[in-house]
Protein backbone atom coordinates (compact mmCIF):
# COMPACT_ATOMS: atom_id res chain seq x y z
CA MET A 1 -0.03 0.00 0.03
CA GLU A 2 1.28 3.47 -0.91
CA LEU A 3 0.85 6.37 1.36
CA PRO A 4 -0.27 9.86 0.21
CA ARG A 5 2.48 12.33 -0.37
CA VAL A 6 2.83 16.04 -0.73
CA ASN A 7 4.35 17.27 -4.00
CA GLY A 8 6.61 20.25 -4.46
CA ILE A 9 3.81 22.66 -4.94
CA GLY A 10 2.17 21.68 -1.64
CA LEU A 11 -0.72 19.53 -3.00
CA THR A 12 -1.42 16.13 -1.57
CA GLU A 13 -1.20 13.35 -4.08
CA TRP A 14 -3.52 10.40 -3.20
CA PRO A 15 -2.69 6.94 -4.53
CA ASP A 16 -5.41 5.17 -6.51
CA ASP A 17 -6.08 2.45 -3.87
CA TYR A 18 -6.05 4.80 -0.90
CA SER A 19 -9.40 5.72 0.62
CA ALA A 20 -9.83 8.53 3.27
CA ALA A 21 -12.94 10.17 4.60
CA PRO A 22 -13.07 13.94 4.00
CA ARG A 23 -12.74 16.16 7.04
CA SER A 24 -15.93 17.76 8.17
CA LEU A 25 -16.46 20.15 11.00
CA PRO A 26 -19.63 20.11 13.27
CA ALA A 27 -22.45 22.48 12.29
CA SER A 28 -21.88 24.54 15.52
CA VAL A 29 -18.32 25.37 14.47
CA ARG A 30 -19.46 26.33 10.98
CA LEU A 31 -22.21 28.56 12.40
CA LEU A 32 -19.76 30.24 14.73
CA ALA A 33 -17.28 30.89 11.87
CA ALA A 34 -20.18 32.33 9.73
CA ALA A 35 -21.24 34.57 12.64
CA VAL A 36 -17.74 35.82 13.14
CA LEU A 37 -17.42 36.52 9.43
CA ILE A 38 -20.75 38.40 9.28
CA LEU A 39 -19.90 40.46 12.35
CA PHE A 40 -16.49 41.42 10.94
CA SER A 41 -17.92 42.31 7.59
CA PHE A 42 -20.58 44.42 9.31
CA ALA A 43 -18.03 46.21 11.37
CA VAL A 44 -15.84 46.95 8.35
CA VAL A 45 -18.69 48.27 6.24
CA SER A 46 -20.37 50.34 8.95
CA THR A 47 -17.15 52.03 10.06
CA THR A 48 -16.30 52.84 6.50
CA VAL A 49 -19.72 54.31 5.84
CA PHE A 50 -19.80 56.31 8.99
CA SER A 51 -16.26 57.80 8.67
CA ALA A 52 -16.77 58.57 4.91
CA GLY A 53 -20.17 60.01 5.55
CA GLY A 54 -18.91 62.12 8.39
CA TYR A 55 -16.05 63.46 6.34
CA CYS A 56 -18.36 64.19 3.39
CA LEU A 57 -20.93 65.89 5.54
CA THR A 58 -18.45 68.09 7.31
CA SER A 59 -16.13 69.20 4.52
CA ASP A 60 -16.78 71.54 1.64
CA GLY A 61 -14.12 71.59 -1.09
CA GLY A 62 -15.47 74.85 -2.64
CA ASP A 63 -15.46 76.96 0.72
CA THR A 64 -11.87 78.48 1.03
CA ARG A 65 -12.77 81.14 3.54
CA ASP A 66 -11.10 79.31 6.47
CA LEU A 67 -7.84 78.64 4.71
CA PRO A 68 -4.81 80.84 5.63
CA ARG A 69 -4.26 83.66 3.26
CA THR A 70 -0.70 84.16 1.73
CA SER A 71 1.14 87.43 1.84
CA ARG A 72 2.12 87.19 -1.74
CA ALA A 73 0.16 89.37 -4.19
CA PRO A 74 -1.22 87.69 -7.31
């Protein structure tokens, strides 16, 4: 009987006569991973929206009255 081996690329090569059951995780672990992924995605999107929205609502690119004036004449 031949054993599985890992090739130079890092992929496992399975012999033709070798049988193995695929790994599976319990449903609770998959649900926990999905919940963490959803919470992380929500945090990334919401903080991006709030920070970009706050910047866009408080800045005006056309209003230059508050910028310091230079002493050079045009």
